[in-house]
Amino acid sequence: MNPDYALLSAIILSLVLLQLNQRQGSPVLAIINRWLRWFIFAFGAAAIVEDLGWMDRPYPVVVGTFFLVWFLIETLYNWLAIHALSVSPLPLFPRFTLNHSGEEWPTLPRFLKIRDWLRANGFKQVQALKAEVGPSIYLRVSVYQDAEAGVRLQITFLPQGNGALAVCYSLSTNTAGGYRYVTDNLHLPFGGFYPENWLMSRNPWRRSLAGLVKLHRERVARGGEQVVPWTTDPLTDLNGQQRELERINTELGFLAPHADREEHGKISHEGRYRVWKEYWLLSYFGKSVRY
């Protein structure tokens, strides 16, 4: 195939994926498109340089050079974005409130299918919550439990920059031994520390709710511990989690001491590196860092 036709086809495919993902909000499609854009930039820029005769290096070397240039540009952009988040007034661990608006569940068909699956499999809604993460931008959460109240399911609707909504799931189970099994498919970078009694499993590539529920129950069963039913209401528990995470990450150095935050920002230099690393791995490999 003519290289120019291949490059044009890749550009068209990237635009199609972009339009499709505006409706789907899929992190998997986003990962594929990021790689595609990276290759388009590297091969396209190398072709332009070769046609204009600006470099006398072999074509593969020029492609590799522009491949590295893209990485450096994106690294700089992401590092500046993390710095801006660190010094902004936006909360890293926002506080949740009850959502009485009745708009906790989007009416798009793909979301309604999820709600039908929940009903068919014995999950009942416990509470609807929201947290303000920006000016008039809310993180909406709908919390469900299974019939035995042993598994709590937190469904989070994430607003995307392109106007789409992405959905993520987090399943939690407490045991008599004091452990909390957490299985989620969040594709947002965290980079911080979790409490020692949390047994975390992050699965950004697993987008099926049924598959994630099955994985979570298998993890709990392998642990062999007695499951303790949930008694704390979701609002109290979730805000308690946020306070605990903020305390732990301040003590362990992910967050800067409170006295230094006004001058240096909320996230320490080590914390910013950890966030950048996890963001890059999630963006291009759908992989969460295990610390």
C-alpha atoms as a PDB file:
ATOM      1  CA  MET A   1       0.000   0.000   0.000  1.00  0.00           C
ATOM      2  CA  ASN A   2       1.171   3.529  -0.757  1.00  0.00           C
ATOM      3  CA  PRO A   3       2.448   5.091   2.522  1.00  0.00           C
ATOM      4  CA  ASP A   4       0.424   8.245   1.841  1.00  0.00           C
ATOM      5  CA  TYR A   5      -2.782   6.201   1.548  1.00  0.00           C
ATOM      6  CA  ALA A   6      -1.933   4.315   4.731  1.00  0.00           C
ATOM      7  CA  LEU A   7      -1.407   7.592   6.596  1.00  0.00           C
ATOM      8  CA  LEU A   8      -4.656   9.039   5.254  1.00  0.00           C
ATOM      9  CA  SER A   9      -6.527   5.881   6.256  1.00  0.00           C
ATOM     10  CA  ALA A  10      -5.087   6.138   9.767  1.00  0.00           C
ATOM     11  CA  ILE A  11      -6.221   9.771  10.033  1.00  0.00           C
ATOM     12  CA  ILE A  12      -9.752   8.873   8.922  1.00  0.00           C
ATOM     13  CA  LEU A  13      -9.850   5.952  11.365  1.00  0.00           C
ATOM     14  CA  SER A  14      -8.723   8.250  14.180  1.00  0.00           C
ATOM     15  CA  LEU A  15     -11.521  10.719  13.396  1.00  0.00           C
ATOM     16  CA  VAL A  16     -14.064   7.889  13.308  1.00  0.00           C
ATOM     17  CA  LEU A  17     -12.890   6.593  16.683  1.00  0.00           C
ATOM     18  CA  LEU A  18     -13.050  10.118  18.093  1.00  0.00           C
ATOM     19  CA  GLN A  19     -16.652  10.555  16.964  1.00  0.00           C
ATOM     20  CA  LEU A  20     -17.613   7.089  18.179  1.00  0.00           C
ATOM     21  CA  ASN A  21     -16.070   7.664  21.579  1.00  0.00           C
ATOM     22  CA  GLN A  22     -17.989  10.909  22.032  1.00  0.00           C
ATOM     23  CA  ARG A  23     -21.051   8.684  22.315  1.00  0.00           C
ATOM     24  CA  GLN A  24     -19.471   5.707  24.092  1.00  0.00           C
ATOM     25  CA  GLY A  25     -17.029   7.308  26.537  1.00  0.00           C
ATOM     26  CA  SER A  26     -14.926   4.143  26.366  1.00  0.00           C
ATOM     27  CA  PRO A  27     -11.375   4.221  27.794  1.00  0.00           C
ATOM     28  CA  VAL A  28     -10.500   1.283  25.529  1.00  0.00           C
ATOM     29  CA  LEU A  29     -11.362   3.260  22.377  1.00  0.00           C
ATOM     30  CA  ALA A  30      -9.489   6.233  23.823  1.00  0.00           C
ATOM     31  CA  ILE A  31      -6.343   4.117  24.309  1.00  0.00           C
ATOM     32  CA  ILE A  32      -6.490   2.807  20.742  1.00  0.00           C
ATOM     33  CA  ASN A  33      -6.934   6.328  19.385  1.00  0.00           C
ATOM     34  CA  ARG A  34      -4.043   7.717  21.439  1.00  0.00           C
ATOM     35  CA  TRP A  35      -1.671   5.128  19.962  1.00  0.00           C
ATOM     36  CA  LEU A  36      -3.056   5.836  16.508  1.00  0.00           C
ATOM     37  CA  ARG A  37      -2.482   9.577  16.873  1.00  0.00           C
ATOM     38  CA  TRP A  38       1.058   8.926  18.115  1.00  0.00           C
ATOM     39  CA  PHE A  39       1.904   6.850  15.042  1.00  0.00           C
ATOM     40  CA  ILE A  40       0.204   9.363  12.728  1.00  0.00           C
ATOM     41  CA  PHE A  41       2.336  12.161  14.160  1.00  0.00           C
ATOM     42  CA  ALA A  42       5.594  10.204  13.972  1.00  0.00           C
ATOM     43  CA  PHE A  43       5.145   8.820  10.471  1.00  0.00           C
ATOM     44  CA  GLY A  44       3.439  11.935   9.104  1.00  0.00           C
ATOM     45  CA  ALA A  45       6.071  14.360  10.421  1.00  0.00           C
ATOM     46  CA  ALA A  46       8.868  12.083   9.174  1.00  0.00           C
ATOM     47  CA  ALA A  47       7.267  11.947   5.703  1.00  0.00           C
ATOM     48  CA  ILE A  48       7.013  15.745   5.573  1.00  0.00           C
ATOM     49  CA  VAL A  49      10.638  16.204   6.645  1.00  0.00           C
ATOM     50  CA  GLU A  50      11.810  13.645   4.088  1.00  0.00           C
ATOM     51  CA  ASP A  51       9.790  15.226   1.264  1.00  0.00           C
ATOM     52  CA  LEU A  52      11.207  18.683   2.072  1.00  0.00           C
ATOM     53  CA  GLY A  53      14.743  17.328   2.343  1.00  0.00           C
ATOM     54  CA  TRP A  54      15.343  18.809   5.794  1.00  0.00           C
ATOM     55  CA  MET A  55      17.148  15.737   7.141  1.00  0.00           C
ATOM     56  CA  ASP A  56      19.497  13.241   5.525  1.00  0.00           C
ATOM     57  CA  ARG A  57      18.964  10.542   8.158  1.00  0.00           C
ATOM     58  CA  PRO A  58      17.319   7.191   7.287  1.00  0.00           C
ATOM     59  CA  TYR A  59      13.532   7.316   7.378  1.00  0.00           C
ATOM     60  CA  PRO A  60      13.175   4.881  10.350  1.00  0.00           C
ATOM     61  CA  VAL A  61      15.531   7.084  12.393  1.00  0.00           C
ATOM     62  CA  VAL A  62      13.437  10.168  11.625  1.00  0.00           C
ATOM     63  CA  VAL A  63      10.255   8.293  12.586  1.00  0.00           C
ATOM     64  CA  GLY A  64      11.849   7.273  15.882  1.00  0.00           C
ATOM     65  CA  THR A  65      12.915  10.867  16.528  1.00  0.00           C
ATOM     66  CA  PHE A  66       9.388  12.202  16.089  1.00  0.00           C
ATOM     67  CA  PHE A  67       8.032   9.311  18.125  1.00  0.00           C
ATOM     68  CA  LEU A  68      10.227  10.561  20.980  1.00  0.00           C
ATOM     69  CA  VAL A  69       9.216  14.189  20.321  1.00  0.00           C
ATOM     70  CA  TRP A  70       5.546  13.266  20.812  1.00  0.00           C
ATOM     71  CA  PHE A  71       6.396  11.560  24.096  1.00  0.00           C
ATOM     72  CA  LEU A  72       8.306  14.606  25.341  1.00  0.00           C
ATOM     73  CA  ILE A  73       5.551  17.042  24.326  1.00  0.00           C
ATOM     74  CA  GLU A  74       2.861  14.955  26.006  1.00  0.00           C
ATOM     75  CA  THR A  75       5.013  14.490  29.100  1.00  0.00           C
ATOM     76  CA  LEU A  76       5.450  18.262  29.407  1.00  0.00           C
ATOM     77  CA  TYR A  77       1.720  18.860  28.894  1.00  0.00           C
ATOM     78  CA  ASN A  78       0.711  16.255  31.481  1.00  0.00           C
ATOM     79  CA  TRP A  79       3.282  17.483  33.987  1.00  0.00           C
ATOM     80  CA  LEU A  80       1.944  21.037  33.665  1.00  0.00           C
ATOM     81  CA  ALA A  81      -1.629  19.736  34.049  1.00  0.00           C
ATOM     82  CA  ILE A  82      -0.696  17.864  37.246  1.00  0.00           C
ATOM     83  CA  HIS A  83       1.031  20.975  38.580  1.00  0.00           C
ATOM     84  CA  ALA A  84      -2.058  23.063  37.771  1.00  0.00           C
ATOM     85  CA  LEU A  85      -4.250  20.554  39.627  1.00  0.00           C
ATOM     86  CA  SER A  86      -1.890  20.622  42.590  1.00  0.00           C
ATOM     87  CA  VAL A  87      -2.028  24.410  42.990  1.00  0.00           C
ATOM     88  CA  SER A  88      -5.719  24.762  42.093  1.00  0.00           C
ATOM     89  CA  PRO A  89      -8.461  25.054  44.727  1.00  0.00           C
ATOM     90  CA  LEU A  90     -10.117  21.876  43.393  1.00  0.00           C
ATOM     91  CA  PRO A  91     -10.304  19.146  46.077  1.00  0.00           C
ATOM     92  CA  LEU A  92      -8.337  15.951  45.518  1.00  0.00           C
ATOM     93  CA  PHE A  93     -10.675  14.062  47.847  1.00  0.00           C
ATOM     94  CA  PRO A  94     -14.054  15.777  47.377  1.00  0.00           C
ATOM     95  CA  ARG A  95     -16.844  15.453  49.923  1.00  0.00           C
ATOM     96  CA  PHE A  96     -20.065  13.818  48.812  1.00  0.00           C
ATOM     97  CA  THR A  97     -23.622  14.889  49.519  1.00  0.00           C
ATOM     98  CA  LEU A  98     -26.976  13.252  48.861  1.00  0.00           C
ATOM     99  CA  ASN A  99     -28.262  13.764  45.348  1.00  0.00           C
ATOM    100  CA  HIS A 100     -31.926  14.732  45.558  1.00  0.00           C
ATOM    101  CA  SER A 101     -32.172  16.039  41.995  1.00  0.00           C
ATOM    102  CA  GLY A 102     -33.413  12.742  40.542  1.00  0.00           C
ATOM    103  CA  GLU A 103     -30.777  12.990  37.785  1.00  0.00           C
ATOM    104  CA  GLU A 104     -28.352  10.437  39.173  1.00  0.00           C
ATOM    105  CA  TRP A 105     -28.923   8.009  36.312  1.00  0.00           C
ATOM    106  CA  PRO A 106     -28.368   9.076  32.666  1.00  0.00           C
ATOM    107  CA  THR A 107     -31.154   8.149  30.257  1.00  0.00           C
ATOM    108  CA  LEU A 108     -28.916   6.950  27.440  1.00  0.00           C
ATOM    109  CA  PRO A 109     -29.777   3.401  26.291  1.00  0.00           C
ATOM    110  CA  ARG A 110     -26.354   1.968  27.234  1.00  0.00           C
ATOM    111  CA  PHE A 111     -26.824   3.153  30.813  1.00  0.00           C
ATOM    112  CA  LEU A 112     -30.406   1.913  31.028  1.00  0.00           C
ATOM    113  CA  LYS A 113     -29.179  -1.564  30.061  1.00  0.00           C
ATOM    114  CA  ILE A 114     -26.855  -1.486  33.073  1.00  0.00           C
ATOM    115  CA  ARG A 115     -29.763  -0.621  35.354  1.00  0.00           C
ATOM    116  CA  ASP A 116     -31.807  -3.478  33.892  1.00  0.00           C
ATOM    117  CA  TRP A 117     -28.914  -5.868  34.568  1.00  0.00           C
ATOM    118  CA  LEU A 118     -28.737  -4.700  38.181  1.00  0.00           C
ATOM    119  CA  ARG A 119     -32.438  -5.349  38.720  1.00  0.00           C
ATOM    120  CA  ALA A 120     -32.230  -8.772  37.084  1.00  0.00           C
ATOM    121  CA  ASN A 121     -29.311  -9.789  39.325  1.00  0.00           C
ATOM    122  CA  GLY A 122     -30.714  -8.720  42.678  1.00  0.00           C
ATOM    123  CA  PHE A 123     -28.905  -5.416  43.194  1.00  0.00           C
ATOM    124  CA  LYS A 124     -30.946  -2.654  44.798  1.00  0.00           C
ATOM    125  CA  GLN A 125     -30.126   1.024  44.988  1.00  0.00           C
ATOM    126  CA  VAL A 126     -29.180   2.309  48.433  1.00  0.00           C
ATOM    127  CA  GLN A 127     -28.281   5.949  47.829  1.00  0.00           C
ATOM    128  CA  ALA A 128     -27.536   8.485  45.104  1.00  0.00           C
ATOM    129  CA  LEU A 129     -24.623  10.837  45.811  1.00  0.00           C
ATOM    130  CA  LYS A 130     -22.770  13.674  44.142  1.00  0.00           C
ATOM    131  CA  ALA A 131     -19.585  15.672  44.686  1.00  0.00           C
ATOM    132  CA  GLU A 132     -18.574  18.961  43.106  1.00  0.00           C
ATOM    133  CA  VAL A 133     -15.174  18.524  41.432  1.00  0.00           C
ATOM    134  CA  GLY A 134     -15.183  21.829  39.571  1.00  0.00           C
ATOM    135  CA  PRO A 135     -17.363  24.887  39.010  1.00  0.00           C
ATOM    136  CA  SER A 136     -20.807  23.396  38.250  1.00  0.00           C
ATOM    137  CA  ILE A 137     -19.145  20.033  37.430  1.00  0.00           C
ATOM    138  CA  TYR A 138     -20.429  17.147  39.525  1.00  0.00           C
ATOM    139  CA  LEU A 139     -19.253  13.607  39.994  1.00  0.00           C
ATOM    140  CA  ARG A 140     -22.411  11.513  40.260  1.00  0.00           C
ATOM    141  CA  VAL A 141     -22.436   8.211  42.101  1.00  0.00           C
ATOM    142  CA  SER A 142     -25.204   5.641  42.435  1.00  0.00           C
ATOM    143  CA  VAL A 143     -24.688   3.017  45.149  1.00  0.00           C
ATOM    144  CA  TYR A 144     -26.213  -0.483  45.033  1.00  0.00           C
ATOM    145  CA  GLN A 145     -26.036  -3.589  47.204  1.00  0.00           C
ATOM    146  CA  ASP A 146     -26.746  -7.233  46.511  1.00  0.00           C
ATOM    147  CA  ALA A 147     -29.542  -9.089  48.288  1.00  0.00           C
ATOM    148  CA  GLU A 148     -27.273 -10.199  51.176  1.00  0.00           C
ATOM    149  CA  ALA A 149     -25.740  -6.710  51.601  1.00  0.00           C
ATOM    150  CA  GLY A 150     -22.315  -8.325  51.341  1.00  0.00           C
ATOM    151  CA  VAL A 151     -21.298  -6.593  48.117  1.00  0.00           C
ATOM    152  CA  ARG A 152     -21.621  -2.845  47.714  1.00  0.00           C
ATOM    153  CA  LEU A 153     -21.427  -1.522  44.171  1.00  0.00           C
ATOM    154  CA  GLN A 154     -20.498   2.079  43.518  1.00  0.00           C
ATOM    155  CA  ILE A 155     -21.352   3.252  39.995  1.00  0.00           C
ATOM    156  CA  THR A 156     -19.578   6.476  39.066  1.00  0.00           C
ATOM    157  CA  PHE A 157     -20.491   8.573  36.042  1.00  0.00           C
ATOM    158  CA  LEU A 158     -17.454  10.528  34.868  1.00  0.00           C
ATOM    159  CA  PRO A 159     -17.915  13.617  32.669  1.00  0.00           C
ATOM    160  CA  GLN A 160     -15.410  13.631  29.807  1.00  0.00           C
ATOM    161  CA  GLY A 161     -13.786  16.604  28.143  1.00  0.00           C
ATOM    162  CA  ASN A 162     -15.582  15.880  24.869  1.00  0.00           C
ATOM    163  CA  GLY A 163     -19.003  15.999  26.532  1.00  0.00           C
ATOM    164  CA  ALA A 164     -19.412  12.214  26.777  1.00  0.00           C
ATOM    165  CA  LEU A 165     -20.081  10.258  29.958  1.00  0.00           C
ATOM    166  CA  ALA A 166     -17.945   7.323  31.034  1.00  0.00           C
ATOM    167  CA  VAL A 167     -19.106   4.839  33.640  1.00  0.00           C
ATOM    168  CA  CYS A 168     -16.880   3.043  36.151  1.00  0.00           C
ATOM    169  CA  TYR A 169     -17.640   0.466  38.828  1.00  0.00           C
ATOM    170  CA  SER A 170     -16.171  -0.193  42.255  1.00  0.00           C
ATOM    171  CA  LEU A 171     -17.191  -3.229  44.322  1.00  0.00           C
ATOM    172  CA  SER A 172     -16.435  -3.493  48.040  1.00  0.00           C
ATOM    173  CA  THR A 173     -16.828  -6.280  50.596  1.00  0.00           C
ATOM    174  CA  ASN A 174     -15.857  -6.233  54.280  1.00  0.00           C
ATOM    175  CA  THR A 175     -14.697  -9.347  56.119  1.00  0.00           C
ATOM    176  CA  ALA A 176     -14.729 -10.425  59.756  1.00  0.00           C
ATOM    177  CA  GLY A 177     -10.926 -10.254  59.753  1.00  0.00           C
ATOM    178  CA  GLY A 178     -11.044  -6.496  59.184  1.00  0.00           C
ATOM    179  CA  TYR A 179     -10.114  -6.525  55.512  1.00  0.00           C
ATOM    180  CA  ARG A 180     -11.893  -4.731  52.716  1.00  0.00           C
ATOM    181  CA  TYR A 181     -11.837  -6.287  49.254  1.00  0.00           C
ATOM    182  CA  VAL A 182     -12.100  -3.606  46.562  1.00  0.00           C
ATOM    183  CA  THR A 183     -12.397  -4.454  42.874  1.00  0.00           C
ATOM    184  CA  ASP A 184     -12.824  -1.626  40.373  1.00  0.00           C
ATOM    185  CA  ASN A 185     -12.274  -0.645  36.761  1.00  0.00           C
ATOM    186  CA  LEU A 186     -11.485   3.027  37.313  1.00  0.00           C
ATOM    187  CA  HIS A 187      -9.272   4.484  34.599  1.00  0.00           C
ATOM    188  CA  LEU A 188      -8.376   7.673  36.491  1.00  0.00           C
ATOM    189  CA  PRO A 189      -4.831   7.970  37.879  1.00  0.00           C
ATOM    190  CA  PHE A 190      -4.466   7.950  41.639  1.00  0.00           C
ATOM    191  CA  GLY A 191      -0.792   7.405  42.379  1.00  0.00           C
ATOM    192  CA  GLY A 192      -1.293   7.558  46.139  1.00  0.00           C
ATOM    193  CA  PHE A 193      -1.494   5.063  48.972  1.00  0.00           C
ATOM    194  CA  TYR A 194      -4.404   2.935  50.173  1.00  0.00           C
ATOM    195  CA  PRO A 195      -5.082   1.772  53.753  1.00  0.00           C
ATOM    196  CA  GLU A 196      -3.222  -1.422  54.653  1.00  0.00           C
ATOM    197  CA  ASN A 197      -6.423  -3.395  55.191  1.00  0.00           C
ATOM    198  CA  TRP A 198      -7.673  -2.652  51.657  1.00  0.00           C
ATOM    199  CA  LEU A 199      -7.069  -5.510  49.225  1.00  0.00           C
ATOM    200  CA  MET A 200      -7.170  -3.617  45.935  1.00  0.00           C
ATOM    201  CA  SER A 201      -7.611  -4.946  42.411  1.00  0.00           C
ATOM    202  CA  ARG A 202      -7.809  -2.348  39.635  1.00  0.00           C
ATOM    203  CA  ASN A 203      -8.916  -3.577  36.212  1.00  0.00           C
ATOM    204  CA  PRO A 204      -9.192  -0.643  33.761  1.00  0.00           C
ATOM    205  CA  TRP A 205      -9.590  -2.931  30.722  1.00  0.00           C
ATOM    206  CA  ARG A 206     -12.530  -4.863  32.189  1.00  0.00           C
ATOM    207  CA  ARG A 207     -15.561  -2.798  31.140  1.00  0.00           C
ATOM    208  CA  SER A 208     -18.254  -5.448  31.658  1.00  0.00           C
ATOM    209  CA  LEU A 209     -20.133  -5.068  34.935  1.00  0.00           C
ATOM    210  CA  ALA A 210     -21.055  -8.769  34.967  1.00  0.00           C
ATOM    211  CA  GLY A 211     -17.404  -9.754  34.512  1.00  0.00           C
ATOM    212  CA  LEU A 212     -16.253  -7.382  37.244  1.00  0.00           C
ATOM    213  CA  VAL A 213     -18.853  -8.675  39.717  1.00  0.00           C
ATOM    214  CA  LYS A 214     -17.774 -12.243  38.963  1.00  0.00           C
ATOM    215  CA  LEU A 215     -14.107 -11.335  39.474  1.00  0.00           C
ATOM    216  CA  HIS A 216     -14.863  -9.624  42.787  1.00  0.00           C
ATOM    217  CA  ARG A 217     -16.832 -12.557  44.170  1.00  0.00           C
ATOM    218  CA  GLU A 218     -14.073 -14.950  43.126  1.00  0.00           C
ATOM    219  CA  ARG A 219     -11.506 -12.817  44.968  1.00  0.00           C
ATOM    220  CA  VAL A 220     -13.595 -12.795  48.135  1.00  0.00           C
ATOM    221  CA  ALA A 221     -14.210 -16.556  47.905  1.00  0.00           C
ATOM    222  CA  ARG A 222     -10.463 -17.266  47.511  1.00  0.00           C
ATOM    223  CA  GLY A 223      -9.788 -15.225  50.640  1.00  0.00           C
ATOM    224  CA  GLY A 224     -11.897 -17.686  52.631  1.00  0.00           C
ATOM    225  CA  GLU A 225     -12.982 -15.121  55.209  1.00  0.00           C
ATOM    226  CA  GLN A 226     -16.458 -14.544  56.568  1.00  0.00           C
ATOM    227  CA  VAL A 227     -18.241 -11.690  54.839  1.00  0.00           C
ATOM    228  CA  VAL A 228     -19.659  -8.944  57.058  1.00  0.00           C
ATOM    229  CA  PRO A 229     -22.838  -7.315  55.687  1.00  0.00           C
ATOM    230  CA  TRP A 230     -22.801  -3.575  55.140  1.00  0.00           C
ATOM    231  CA  THR A 231     -24.485  -1.539  57.870  1.00  0.00           C
ATOM    232  CA  THR A 232     -22.963   1.940  57.368  1.00  0.00           C
ATOM    233  CA  ASP A 233     -24.837   4.104  54.887  1.00  0.00           C
ATOM    234  CA  PRO A 234     -22.860   4.900  51.695  1.00  0.00           C
ATOM    235  CA  LEU A 235     -22.622   8.655  52.324  1.00  0.00           C
ATOM    236  CA  THR A 236     -21.008   8.213  55.739  1.00  0.00           C
ATOM    237  CA  ASP A 237     -18.702   5.453  54.515  1.00  0.00           C
ATOM    238  CA  LEU A 238     -17.590   7.251  51.352  1.00  0.00           C
ATOM    239  CA  ASN A 239     -16.808  10.520  53.111  1.00  0.00           C
ATOM    240  CA  GLY A 240     -14.995   8.535  55.796  1.00  0.00           C
ATOM    241  CA  GLN A 241     -12.920   6.911  53.050  1.00  0.00           C
ATOM    242  CA  GLN A 242     -12.042  10.319  51.621  1.00  0.00           C
ATOM    243  CA  ARG A 243     -10.859  11.611  55.003  1.00  0.00           C
ATOM    244  CA  GLU A 244      -8.840   8.448  55.642  1.00  0.00           C
ATOM    245  CA  LEU A 245      -7.197   8.572  52.206  1.00  0.00           C
ATOM    246  CA  GLU A 246      -6.264  12.215  52.666  1.00  0.00           C
ATOM    247  CA  ARG A 247      -4.778  11.499  56.111  1.00  0.00           C
ATOM    248  CA  ILE A 248      -2.755   8.483  54.947  1.00  0.00           C
ATOM    249  CA  ASN A 249      -1.422  10.211  51.848  1.00  0.00           C
ATOM    250  CA  THR A 250      -0.376  13.248  53.855  1.00  0.00           C
ATOM    251  CA  GLU A 251       1.455  11.078  56.393  1.00  0.00           C
ATOM    252  CA  LEU A 252       3.214   9.018  53.709  1.00  0.00           C
ATOM    253  CA  GLY A 253       4.322  12.020  51.659  1.00  0.00           C
ATOM    254  CA  PHE A 254       2.108  11.774  48.598  1.00  0.00           C
ATOM    255  CA  LEU A 255       0.419  15.018  49.683  1.00  0.00           C
ATOM    256  CA  ALA A 256       2.402  17.977  50.955  1.00  0.00           C
ATOM    257  CA  PRO A 257       2.037  18.996  54.610  1.00  0.00           C
ATOM    258  CA  HIS A 258      -0.901  21.327  55.156  1.00  0.00           C
ATOM    259  CA  ALA A 259       1.409  24.214  56.089  1.00  0.00           C
ATOM    260  CA  ASP A 260       3.232  23.998  52.728  1.00  0.00           C
ATOM    261  CA  ARG A 261       0.241  23.609  50.412  1.00  0.00           C
ATOM    262  CA  GLU A 262      -0.495  27.277  49.862  1.00  0.00           C
ATOM    263  CA  GLU A 263       3.038  27.912  48.630  1.00  0.00           C
ATOM    264  CA  HIS A 264       3.967  24.600  46.949  1.00  0.00           C
ATOM    265  CA  GLY A 265       0.622  22.998  46.098  1.00  0.00           C
ATOM    266  CA  LYS A 266      -1.242  20.000  47.478  1.00  0.00           C
ATOM    267  CA  ILE A 267       0.757  17.211  45.807  1.00  0.00           C
ATOM    268  CA  SER A 268       4.412  16.633  46.685  1.00  0.00           C
ATOM    269  CA  HIS A 269       7.078  16.300  43.958  1.00  0.00           C
ATOM    270  CA  GLU A 270       7.198  12.530  44.490  1.00  0.00           C
ATOM    271  CA  GLY A 271       3.401  12.432  44.347  1.00  0.00           C
ATOM    272  CA  ARG A 272       3.358  14.334  41.048  1.00  0.00           C
ATOM    273  CA  TYR A 273       5.771  11.845  39.527  1.00  0.00           C
ATOM    274  CA  ARG A 274       3.601   8.952  40.709  1.00  0.00           C
ATOM    275  CA  VAL A 275       0.472  10.557  39.241  1.00  0.00           C
ATOM    276  CA  TRP A 276       2.263  11.243  35.940  1.00  0.00           C
ATOM    277  CA  LYS A 277       3.544   7.667  35.744  1.00  0.00           C
ATOM    278  CA  GLU A 278       0.134   6.130  36.425  1.00  0.00           C
ATOM    279  CA  TYR A 279      -1.612   8.536  34.056  1.00  0.00           C
ATOM    280  CA  TRP A 280       0.775   7.599  31.234  1.00  0.00           C
ATOM    281  CA  LEU A 281       0.402   3.857  31.846  1.00  0.00           C
ATOM    282  CA  LEU A 282      -3.397   4.148  32.034  1.00  0.00           C
ATOM    283  CA  SER A 283      -3.565   6.339  28.923  1.00  0.00           C
ATOM    284  CA  TYR A 284      -1.520   4.015  26.707  1.00  0.00           C
ATOM    285  CA  PHE A 285      -1.666   0.576  28.320  1.00  0.00           C
ATOM    286  CA  GLY A 286      -4.785   0.650  30.514  1.00  0.00           C
ATOM    287  CA  LYS A 287      -2.525  -0.449  33.352  1.00  0.00           C
ATOM    288  CA  SER A 288      -2.669   0.754  36.947  1.00  0.00           C
ATOM    289  CA  VAL A 289       0.544   1.012  38.954  1.00  0.00           C
ATOM    290  CA  ARG A 290       0.819  -1.350  41.914  1.00  0.00           C
ATOM    291  CA  TYR A 291       2.753   0.259  44.760  1.00  0.00           C
END
